[in-house]
Amino acid sequence: MNLSDPDLQTLLAATLARRGEAGAVICLCADWCDTCRDYRAVFEQAAAAHPALAFRWLDIEDEADALGDVDVETFPTLLIGDARVVRFAGPVLPQAGHLTRLLQSLGFAAAAFDE
């Protein structure tokens, strides 16, 4: 995926316009994919840990029109950015630690929770 692809920026902007957060994390998956189904819990945990970000699960078959010409070759694929720039677009390992480290490397710290 090309980070400067205008379809990626359009997808991010549409997600942010609906939810109003400063950044967005979009998972491009397919319901038929076992790896995607397993990864959904990891994705939802990351969403709970990052309430300042808009998290969106996008089934590439159910929401094909939203993708434009974006070609997803591997699952899961994440799109991360804000209204101005795509900061990451590509496949990820379907593990919680990987997503957490990726978000931290992009400057998105998890919320602190009282125990």
N, C-alpha and C. Protein backbone atom coordinates (compact mmCIF):
# COMPACT_ATOMS: atom_id res chain seq x y z
N MET A 1 0.84 -1.18 0.00
CA MET A 1 0.00 0.00 0.00
C MET A 1 0.88 1.24 0.00
N ASN A 2 0.45 2.20 -0.73
CA ASN A 2 1.16 3.47 -0.83
C ASN A 2 0.55 4.45 0.16
N LEU A 3 1.35 4.97 1.09
CA LEU A 3 0.84 5.88 2.12
C LEU A 3 0.23 7.15 1.53
N SER A 4 0.62 7.51 0.32
CA SER A 4 0.08 8.73 -0.28
C SER A 4 -1.16 8.46 -1.15
N ASP A 5 -1.67 7.24 -1.12
CA ASP A 5 -2.86 6.88 -1.88
C ASP A 5 -4.04 7.72 -1.40
N PRO A 6 -4.66 8.50 -2.28
CA PRO A 6 -5.77 9.36 -1.85
C PRO A 6 -6.97 8.57 -1.32
N ASP A 7 -7.16 7.34 -1.77
CA ASP A 7 -8.27 6.53 -1.25
C ASP A 7 -8.07 6.19 0.23
N LEU A 8 -6.82 6.00 0.66
CA LEU A 8 -6.55 5.74 2.06
C LEU A 8 -6.89 6.97 2.90
N GLN A 9 -6.48 8.14 2.44
CA GLN A 9 -6.77 9.37 3.16
C GLN A 9 -8.27 9.63 3.22
N THR A 10 -8.97 9.32 2.14
CA THR A 10 -10.42 9.49 2.11
C THR A 10 -11.09 8.59 3.14
N LEU A 11 -10.63 7.35 3.26
CA LEU A 11 -11.17 6.40 4.22
C LEU A 11 -10.94 6.89 5.65
N LEU A 12 -9.73 7.38 5.93
CA LEU A 12 -9.44 7.93 7.26
C LEU A 12 -10.33 9.14 7.55
N ALA A 13 -10.42 10.05 6.61
CA ALA A 13 -11.21 11.27 6.82
C ALA A 13 -12.68 10.94 7.07
N ALA A 14 -13.22 9.98 6.35
CA ALA A 14 -14.62 9.59 6.54
C ALA A 14 -14.84 9.00 7.93
N THR A 15 -13.90 8.20 8.39
CA THR A 15 -14.01 7.61 9.72
C THR A 15 -13.93 8.69 10.79
N LEU A 16 -13.01 9.61 10.64
CA LEU A 16 -12.85 10.68 11.63
C LEU A 16 -14.03 11.64 11.62
N ALA A 17 -14.61 11.90 10.47
CA ALA A 17 -15.76 12.81 10.38
C ALA A 17 -16.96 12.24 11.13
N ARG A 18 -17.10 10.93 11.11
CA ARG A 18 -18.23 10.30 11.80
C ARG A 18 -18.03 10.26 13.31
N ARG A 19 -16.79 10.22 13.75
CA ARG A 19 -16.55 9.97 15.17
C ARG A 19 -15.88 11.14 15.89
N GLY A 20 -15.21 12.03 15.19
CA GLY A 20 -14.68 13.23 15.79
C GLY A 20 -13.37 13.09 16.56
N GLU A 21 -12.72 11.93 16.56
CA GLU A 21 -11.46 11.77 17.28
C GLU A 21 -10.29 12.35 16.48
N ALA A 22 -9.15 12.45 17.13
CA ALA A 22 -7.96 13.04 16.51
C ALA A 22 -7.24 12.08 15.57
N GLY A 23 -7.43 10.80 15.75
CA GLY A 23 -6.77 9.81 14.91
C GLY A 23 -7.66 8.60 14.73
N ALA A 24 -7.31 7.77 13.74
CA ALA A 24 -8.14 6.61 13.45
C ALA A 24 -7.26 5.38 13.21
N VAL A 25 -7.79 4.24 13.63
CA VAL A 25 -7.18 2.94 13.37
C VAL A 25 -8.27 2.11 12.70
N ILE A 26 -8.03 1.73 11.47
CA ILE A 26 -9.01 0.97 10.70
C ILE A 26 -8.41 -0.39 10.37
N CYS A 27 -9.13 -1.44 10.73
CA CYS A 27 -8.69 -2.79 10.40
C CYS A 27 -9.45 -3.24 9.16
N LEU A 28 -8.72 -3.58 8.13
CA LEU A 28 -9.30 -4.08 6.88
C LEU A 28 -9.22 -5.60 6.93
N CYS A 29 -10.37 -6.23 7.05
CA CYS A 29 -10.43 -7.68 7.20
C CYS A 29 -11.58 -8.25 6.39
N ALA A 30 -11.77 -9.55 6.53
CA ALA A 30 -12.87 -10.24 5.87
C ALA A 30 -13.47 -11.23 6.85
N ASP A 31 -14.78 -11.33 6.86
CA ASP A 31 -15.47 -12.19 7.80
C ASP A 31 -15.11 -13.67 7.61
N TRP A 32 -14.79 -14.06 6.40
CA TRP A 32 -14.46 -15.46 6.13
C TRP A 32 -13.06 -15.84 6.64
N CYS A 33 -12.25 -14.86 7.01
CA CYS A 33 -10.86 -15.10 7.42
C CYS A 33 -10.80 -15.47 8.91
N ASP A 34 -10.34 -16.68 9.21
CA ASP A 34 -10.22 -17.12 10.60
C ASP A 34 -9.27 -16.23 11.39
N THR A 35 -8.17 -15.82 10.78
CA THR A 35 -7.21 -14.96 11.46
C THR A 35 -7.86 -13.64 11.84
N CYS A 36 -8.66 -13.09 10.94
CA CYS A 36 -9.36 -11.83 11.24
C CYS A 36 -10.33 -12.00 12.40
N ARG A 37 -11.08 -13.07 12.37
CA ARG A 37 -12.04 -13.30 13.46
C ARG A 37 -11.33 -13.41 14.80
N ASP A 38 -10.19 -14.10 14.82
CA ASP A 38 -9.41 -14.21 16.05
C ASP A 38 -8.81 -12.86 16.47
N TYR A 39 -8.43 -12.06 15.50
CA TYR A 39 -7.78 -10.76 15.76
C TYR A 39 -8.77 -9.71 16.27
N ARG A 40 -10.03 -9.91 16.03
CA ARG A 40 -11.02 -8.90 16.41
C ARG A 40 -10.98 -8.59 17.91
N ALA A 41 -10.79 -9.58 18.74
CA ALA A 41 -10.72 -9.34 20.20
C ALA A 41 -9.50 -8.48 20.54
N VAL A 42 -8.38 -8.73 19.89
CA VAL A 42 -7.17 -7.91 20.09
C VAL A 42 -7.45 -6.47 19.69
N PHE A 43 -8.10 -6.30 18.56
CA PHE A 43 -8.43 -4.97 18.05
C PHE A 43 -9.36 -4.23 19.00
N GLU A 44 -10.34 -4.93 19.54
CA GLU A 44 -11.28 -4.31 20.48
C GLU A 44 -10.60 -3.94 21.79
N GLN A 45 -9.65 -4.75 22.25
CA GLN A 45 -8.89 -4.41 23.45
C GLN A 45 -8.05 -3.15 23.22
N ALA A 46 -7.46 -3.04 22.05
CA ALA A 46 -6.68 -1.84 21.73
C ALA A 46 -7.58 -0.61 21.68
N ALA A 47 -8.79 -0.78 21.17
CA ALA A 47 -9.74 0.33 21.12
C ALA A 47 -10.08 0.80 22.53
N ALA A 48 -10.27 -0.13 23.45
CA ALA A 48 -10.58 0.22 24.83
C ALA A 48 -9.41 0.94 25.49
N ALA A 49 -8.19 0.57 25.13
CA ALA A 49 -7.00 1.17 25.71
C ALA A 49 -6.65 2.52 25.09
N HIS A 50 -7.25 2.86 23.96
CA HIS A 50 -6.96 4.12 23.25
C HIS A 50 -8.25 4.86 22.95
N PRO A 51 -8.95 5.36 23.97
CA PRO A 51 -10.25 5.99 23.75
C PRO A 51 -10.20 7.29 22.95
N ALA A 52 -9.03 7.87 22.79
CA ALA A 52 -8.92 9.11 22.01
C ALA A 52 -8.88 8.84 20.51
N LEU A 53 -8.79 7.58 20.12
CA LEU A 53 -8.71 7.22 18.70
C LEU A 53 -10.02 6.57 18.26
N ALA A 54 -10.36 6.78 17.01
CA ALA A 54 -11.51 6.11 16.40
C ALA A 54 -11.03 4.76 15.86
N PHE A 55 -11.60 3.68 16.34
CA PHE A 55 -11.28 2.35 15.85
C PHE A 55 -12.45 1.88 14.99
N ARG A 56 -12.13 1.35 13.83
CA ARG A 56 -13.16 0.88 12.91
C ARG A 56 -12.77 -0.47 12.33
N TRP A 57 -13.67 -1.42 12.43
CA TRP A 57 -13.50 -2.74 11.82
C TRP A 57 -14.21 -2.68 10.48
N LEU A 58 -13.50 -2.86 9.39
CA LEU A 58 -14.08 -2.71 8.06
C LEU A 58 -13.94 -4.02 7.30
N ASP A 59 -15.06 -4.68 7.06
CA ASP A 59 -15.07 -5.91 6.27
C ASP A 59 -14.96 -5.49 4.80
N ILE A 60 -13.90 -5.93 4.14
CA ILE A 60 -13.63 -5.46 2.78
C ILE A 60 -14.66 -5.91 1.76
N GLU A 61 -15.43 -6.92 2.10
CA GLU A 61 -16.48 -7.36 1.18
C GLU A 61 -17.79 -6.64 1.46
N ASP A 62 -18.13 -6.48 2.73
CA ASP A 62 -19.38 -5.80 3.09
C ASP A 62 -19.32 -4.29 2.81
N GLU A 63 -18.12 -3.72 2.91
CA GLU A 63 -17.96 -2.28 2.72
C GLU A 63 -16.98 -1.97 1.58
N ALA A 64 -17.07 -2.72 0.51
CA ALA A 64 -16.15 -2.56 -0.62
C ALA A 64 -16.18 -1.14 -1.19
N ASP A 65 -17.34 -0.51 -1.21
CA ASP A 65 -17.44 0.85 -1.76
C ASP A 65 -16.61 1.84 -0.96
N ALA A 66 -16.48 1.65 0.34
CA ALA A 66 -15.71 2.56 1.18
C ALA A 66 -14.22 2.50 0.88
N LEU A 67 -13.75 1.39 0.31
CA LEU A 67 -12.33 1.21 0.05
C LEU A 67 -11.83 1.93 -1.20
N GLY A 68 -12.70 2.24 -2.13
CA GLY A 68 -12.23 2.81 -3.38
C GLY A 68 -11.37 1.79 -4.10
N ASP A 69 -10.19 2.21 -4.54
CA ASP A 69 -9.29 1.31 -5.27
C ASP A 69 -8.22 0.68 -4.38
N VAL A 70 -8.38 0.76 -3.08
CA VAL A 70 -7.40 0.16 -2.16
C VAL A 70 -7.42 -1.35 -2.33
N ASP A 71 -6.23 -1.92 -2.51
CA ASP A 71 -6.10 -3.36 -2.71
C ASP A 71 -5.51 -3.99 -1.44
N VAL A 72 -6.27 -4.84 -0.80
CA VAL A 72 -5.82 -5.52 0.41
C VAL A 72 -5.35 -6.91 0.01
N GLU A 73 -4.07 -7.18 0.28
CA GLU A 73 -3.50 -8.45 -0.12
C GLU A 73 -3.35 -9.44 1.03
N THR A 74 -3.21 -8.94 2.26
CA THR A 74 -2.95 -9.79 3.41
C THR A 74 -3.80 -9.33 4.59
N PHE A 75 -4.25 -10.30 5.39
CA PHE A 75 -5.05 -9.97 6.57
C PHE A 75 -4.29 -10.32 7.83
N PRO A 76 -4.49 -9.56 8.90
CA PRO A 76 -5.18 -8.27 8.95
C PRO A 76 -4.28 -7.15 8.42
N THR A 77 -4.90 -6.16 7.84
CA THR A 77 -4.22 -4.96 7.36
C THR A 77 -4.77 -3.78 8.13
N LEU A 78 -3.87 -2.93 8.62
CA LEU A 78 -4.29 -1.75 9.36
C LEU A 78 -4.01 -0.48 8.58
N LEU A 79 -4.87 0.49 8.78
CA LEU A 79 -4.71 1.84 8.26
C LEU A 79 -4.77 2.75 9.47
N ILE A 80 -3.70 3.50 9.72
CA ILE A 80 -3.62 4.37 10.89
C ILE A 80 -3.21 5.76 10.45
N GLY A 81 -3.91 6.77 10.94
CA GLY A 81 -3.54 8.14 10.61
C GLY A 81 -4.50 9.13 11.21
N ASP A 82 -4.42 10.34 10.69
CA ASP A 82 -5.32 11.39 11.15
C ASP A 82 -5.89 12.10 9.93
N ALA A 83 -6.53 13.22 10.12
CA ALA A 83 -7.20 13.91 9.02
C ALA A 83 -6.21 14.45 7.99
N ARG A 84 -4.94 14.56 8.36
CA ARG A 84 -3.95 15.14 7.44
C ARG A 84 -3.06 14.11 6.76
N VAL A 85 -2.76 13.01 7.45
CA VAL A 85 -1.73 12.12 6.92
C VAL A 85 -2.00 10.66 7.31
N VAL A 86 -1.69 9.77 6.38
CA VAL A 86 -1.68 8.33 6.66
C VAL A 86 -0.33 8.03 7.30
N ARG A 87 -0.34 7.48 8.49
CA ARG A 87 0.91 7.22 9.21
C ARG A 87 1.37 5.77 9.07
N PHE A 88 0.43 4.87 8.81
CA PHE A 88 0.76 3.46 8.61
C PHE A 88 -0.33 2.83 7.77
N ALA A 89 0.07 2.02 6.81
CA ALA A 89 -0.88 1.25 6.01
C ALA A 89 -0.20 -0.04 5.59
N GLY A 90 -0.66 -1.14 6.16
CA GLY A 90 -0.07 -2.41 5.79
C GLY A 90 -0.49 -3.54 6.70
N PRO A 91 -0.06 -4.75 6.36
CA PRO A 91 -0.41 -5.91 7.18
C PRO A 91 0.33 -5.88 8.50
N VAL A 92 -0.26 -6.51 9.51
CA VAL A 92 0.36 -6.61 10.83
C VAL A 92 0.26 -8.04 11.33
N LEU A 93 1.14 -8.37 12.26
CA LEU A 93 1.03 -9.66 12.92
C LEU A 93 -0.20 -9.62 13.81
N PRO A 94 -1.01 -10.66 13.83
CA PRO A 94 -2.25 -10.64 14.60
C PRO A 94 -2.03 -10.92 16.09
N GLN A 95 -1.23 -10.05 16.72
CA GLN A 95 -0.90 -10.21 18.13
C GLN A 95 -1.09 -8.90 18.86
N ALA A 96 -1.56 -8.97 20.09
CA ALA A 96 -1.82 -7.76 20.88
C ALA A 96 -0.56 -6.92 21.06
N GLY A 97 0.54 -7.54 21.41
CA GLY A 97 1.77 -6.79 21.64
C GLY A 97 2.23 -6.03 20.42
N HIS A 98 2.03 -6.61 19.26
CA HIS A 98 2.46 -5.95 18.03
C HIS A 98 1.66 -4.66 17.79
N LEU A 99 0.35 -4.74 17.95
CA LEU A 99 -0.49 -3.56 17.75
C LEU A 99 -0.16 -2.48 18.77
N THR A 100 0.03 -2.87 20.01
CA THR A 100 0.38 -1.90 21.06
C THR A 100 1.68 -1.19 20.73
N ARG A 101 2.70 -1.93 20.35
CA ARG A 101 4.00 -1.33 20.00
C ARG A 101 3.89 -0.43 18.77
N LEU A 102 3.10 -0.85 17.79
CA LEU A 102 2.92 -0.04 16.60
C LEU A 102 2.28 1.30 16.96
N LEU A 103 1.22 1.27 17.75
CA LEU A 103 0.55 2.52 18.15
C LEU A 103 1.49 3.40 18.96
N GLN A 104 2.28 2.81 19.85
CA GLN A 104 3.24 3.59 20.63
C GLN A 104 4.29 4.22 19.72
N SER A 105 4.77 3.48 18.73
CA SER A 105 5.80 4.01 17.83
C SER A 105 5.27 5.17 16.99
N LEU A 106 3.95 5.22 16.81
CA LEU A 106 3.34 6.31 16.05
C LEU A 106 2.90 7.46 16.95
N GLY A 107 3.20 7.34 18.25
CA GLY A 107 2.89 8.42 19.19
C GLY A 107 1.53 8.35 19.83
N PHE A 108 0.87 7.21 19.75
CA PHE A 108 -0.44 7.04 20.37
C PHE A 108 -0.30 6.22 21.65
N ALA A 109 -0.16 6.90 22.76
CA ALA A 109 0.00 6.21 24.05
C ALA A 109 -1.35 5.70 24.52
N ALA A 110 -1.33 4.57 25.19
CA ALA A 110 -2.57 4.02 25.74
C ALA A 110 -3.01 4.86 26.93
N ALA A 111 -4.31 4.85 27.18
CA ALA A 111 -4.85 5.56 28.34
C ALA A 111 -4.43 4.85 29.61
N ALA A 112 -4.25 5.61 30.66
CA ALA A 112 -3.92 5.03 31.96
C ALA A 112 -5.23 4.67 32.67
N PHE A 113 -5.30 3.47 33.16
CA PHE A 113 -6.50 3.01 33.86
C PHE A 113 -6.17 2.80 35.33
N ASP A 114 -7.08 3.22 36.19
CA ASP A 114 -6.91 2.96 37.61
C ASP A 114 -7.30 1.51 37.89
N GLU A 115 -6.52 0.87 38.72
CA GLU A 115 -6.82 -0.53 39.04
C GLU A 115 -7.45 -0.62 40.39
